[in-house]
Amino acid sequence: MIFGKKKRLPDTKGKDPSVGTAPKGAGATTDGGASVWVNKGNNLVESSMYAEAIQCYDKALEINPRSVEVLNNRGLALA
């Protein structure tokens, strides 16, 4: 399971996770920001926010469409 590779985001309990905008630091990664979307998606999965997580994984796939990690995590969120 690839979910173990993540960074914690601030607690969003009771707040809108604003899936439509790039998280802070998205432009500072070497992969074009895909890993930031993956980390955000992973944190949303942990909060049982699966639809929002899938949106984040879709954003990551727009940046890196061949990422096995993103495809795997998206599939697990759909299950």
C-alpha atoms as a PDB file:
ATOM      1  CA  MET A   1       0.000   0.000   0.000  1.00  0.00           C
ATOM      2  CA  ILE A   2       1.491   3.318  -1.061  1.00  0.00           C
ATOM      3  CA  PHE A   3      -0.526   5.501   1.336  1.00  0.00           C
ATOM      4  CA  GLY A   4       2.322   5.376   3.859  1.00  0.00           C
ATOM      5  CA  LYS A   5       4.406   7.912   1.899  1.00  0.00           C
ATOM      6  CA  LYS A   6       2.791  11.205   2.890  1.00  0.00           C
ATOM      7  CA  LYS A   7       3.219  14.481   4.651  1.00  0.00           C
ATOM      8  CA  ARG A   8       0.633  15.690   7.133  1.00  0.00           C
ATOM      9  CA  LEU A   9      -1.479  18.672   6.181  1.00  0.00           C
ATOM     10  CA  PRO A  10      -3.110  20.993   8.708  1.00  0.00           C
ATOM     11  CA  ASP A  11      -6.348  19.723  10.213  1.00  0.00           C
ATOM     12  CA  THR A  12      -9.230  20.592   7.885  1.00  0.00           C
ATOM     13  CA  LYS A  13     -11.991  19.246  10.105  1.00  0.00           C
ATOM     14  CA  GLY A  14     -15.058  21.403   9.573  1.00  0.00           C
ATOM     15  CA  LYS A  15     -13.389  23.386   6.792  1.00  0.00           C
ATOM     16  CA  ASP A  16     -13.731  23.254   3.022  1.00  0.00           C
ATOM     17  CA  PRO A  17     -10.628  21.441   1.709  1.00  0.00           C
ATOM     18  CA  SER A  18     -10.656  23.716  -1.401  1.00  0.00           C
ATOM     19  CA  VAL A  19      -9.805  20.918  -3.776  1.00  0.00           C
ATOM     20  CA  GLY A  20      -9.969  23.246  -6.779  1.00  0.00           C
ATOM     21  CA  THR A  21      -6.864  25.234  -5.883  1.00  0.00           C
ATOM     22  CA  ALA A  22      -3.270  24.081  -5.682  1.00  0.00           C
ATOM     23  CA  PRO A  23      -1.952  23.636  -2.162  1.00  0.00           C
ATOM     24  CA  LYS A  24       0.897  25.842  -0.959  1.00  0.00           C
ATOM     25  CA  GLY A  25       4.221  24.660  -2.307  1.00  0.00           C
ATOM     26  CA  ALA A  26       2.776  23.009  -5.410  1.00  0.00           C
ATOM     27  CA  GLY A  27       5.225  24.817  -7.673  1.00  0.00           C
ATOM     28  CA  ALA A  28       8.263  23.996  -5.547  1.00  0.00           C
ATOM     29  CA  THR A  29       8.440  20.264  -6.299  1.00  0.00           C
ATOM     30  CA  THR A  30      10.559  18.529  -8.920  1.00  0.00           C
ATOM     31  CA  ASP A  31       7.554  16.656 -10.317  1.00  0.00           C
ATOM     32  CA  GLY A  32       5.546  19.721 -11.294  1.00  0.00           C
ATOM     33  CA  GLY A  33       3.429  19.637  -8.144  1.00  0.00           C
ATOM     34  CA  ALA A  34       1.959  16.156  -8.577  1.00  0.00           C
ATOM     35  CA  SER A  35       3.321  14.941  -5.235  1.00  0.00           C
ATOM     36  CA  VAL A  36       1.576  17.787  -3.431  1.00  0.00           C
ATOM     37  CA  TRP A  37      -1.757  16.668  -4.902  1.00  0.00           C
ATOM     38  CA  VAL A  38      -0.982  13.045  -3.980  1.00  0.00           C
ATOM     39  CA  ASN A  39      -0.200  14.017  -0.381  1.00  0.00           C
ATOM     40  CA  LYS A  40      -3.394  16.059  -0.162  1.00  0.00           C
ATOM     41  CA  GLY A  41      -5.367  13.130  -1.603  1.00  0.00           C
ATOM     42  CA  ASN A  42      -3.799  10.731   0.894  1.00  0.00           C
ATOM     43  CA  ASN A  43      -4.751  12.984   3.797  1.00  0.00           C
ATOM     44  CA  LEU A  44      -8.311  13.248   2.497  1.00  0.00           C
ATOM     45  CA  VAL A  45      -8.530   9.443   2.278  1.00  0.00           C
ATOM     46  CA  GLU A  46      -7.468   9.226   5.926  1.00  0.00           C
ATOM     47  CA  SER A  47     -10.357  11.591   6.710  1.00  0.00           C
ATOM     48  CA  SER A  48     -12.766   9.360   4.716  1.00  0.00           C
ATOM     49  CA  MET A  49     -13.256  12.155   2.164  1.00  0.00           C
ATOM     50  CA  TYR A  50     -12.961   9.833  -0.832  1.00  0.00           C
ATOM     51  CA  ALA A  51     -14.623  11.973  -3.528  1.00  0.00           C
ATOM     52  CA  GLU A  52     -12.360  14.911  -2.694  1.00  0.00           C
ATOM     53  CA  ALA A  53      -9.319  12.618  -2.629  1.00  0.00           C
ATOM     54  CA  ILE A  54     -10.162  11.323  -6.099  1.00  0.00           C
ATOM     55  CA  GLN A  55     -10.300  14.919  -7.348  1.00  0.00           C
ATOM     56  CA  CYS A  56      -6.796  15.481  -5.961  1.00  0.00           C
ATOM     57  CA  TYR A  57      -5.521  12.306  -7.598  1.00  0.00           C
ATOM     58  CA  ASP A  58      -7.081  13.460 -10.880  1.00  0.00           C
ATOM     59  CA  LYS A  59      -5.158  16.743 -10.580  1.00  0.00           C
ATOM     60  CA  ALA A  60      -1.950  14.763  -9.993  1.00  0.00           C
ATOM     61  CA  LEU A  61      -2.702  12.633 -13.061  1.00  0.00           C
ATOM     62  CA  GLU A  62      -3.093  15.778 -15.177  1.00  0.00           C
ATOM     63  CA  ILE A  63       0.507  16.602 -14.242  1.00  0.00           C
ATOM     64  CA  ASN A  64       1.898  13.049 -14.393  1.00  0.00           C
ATOM     65  CA  PRO A  65      -0.537  10.728 -16.224  1.00  0.00           C
ATOM     66  CA  ARG A  66       1.728   7.659 -15.990  1.00  0.00           C
ATOM     67  CA  SER A  67       2.262   7.698 -12.232  1.00  0.00           C
ATOM     68  CA  VAL A  68       1.705   4.203 -10.865  1.00  0.00           C
ATOM     69  CA  GLU A  69       1.470   5.621  -7.331  1.00  0.00           C
ATOM     70  CA  VAL A  70      -1.333   8.017  -8.262  1.00  0.00           C
ATOM     71  CA  LEU A  71      -3.239   5.413 -10.263  1.00  0.00           C
ATOM     72  CA  ASN A  72      -2.944   2.938  -7.379  1.00  0.00           C
ATOM     73  CA  ASN A  73      -4.076   5.424  -4.735  1.00  0.00           C
ATOM     74  CA  ARG A  74      -6.967   6.605  -6.918  1.00  0.00           C
ATOM     75  CA  GLY A  75      -8.091   2.997  -7.374  1.00  0.00           C
ATOM     76  CA  LEU A  76      -7.940   2.359  -3.632  1.00  0.00           C
ATOM     77  CA  ALA A  77      -9.997   5.503  -2.979  1.00  0.00           C
ATOM     78  CA  LEU A  78     -12.619   4.257  -5.437  1.00  0.00           C
ATOM     79  CA  ALA A  79     -12.852   0.842  -3.759  1.00  0.00           C
END
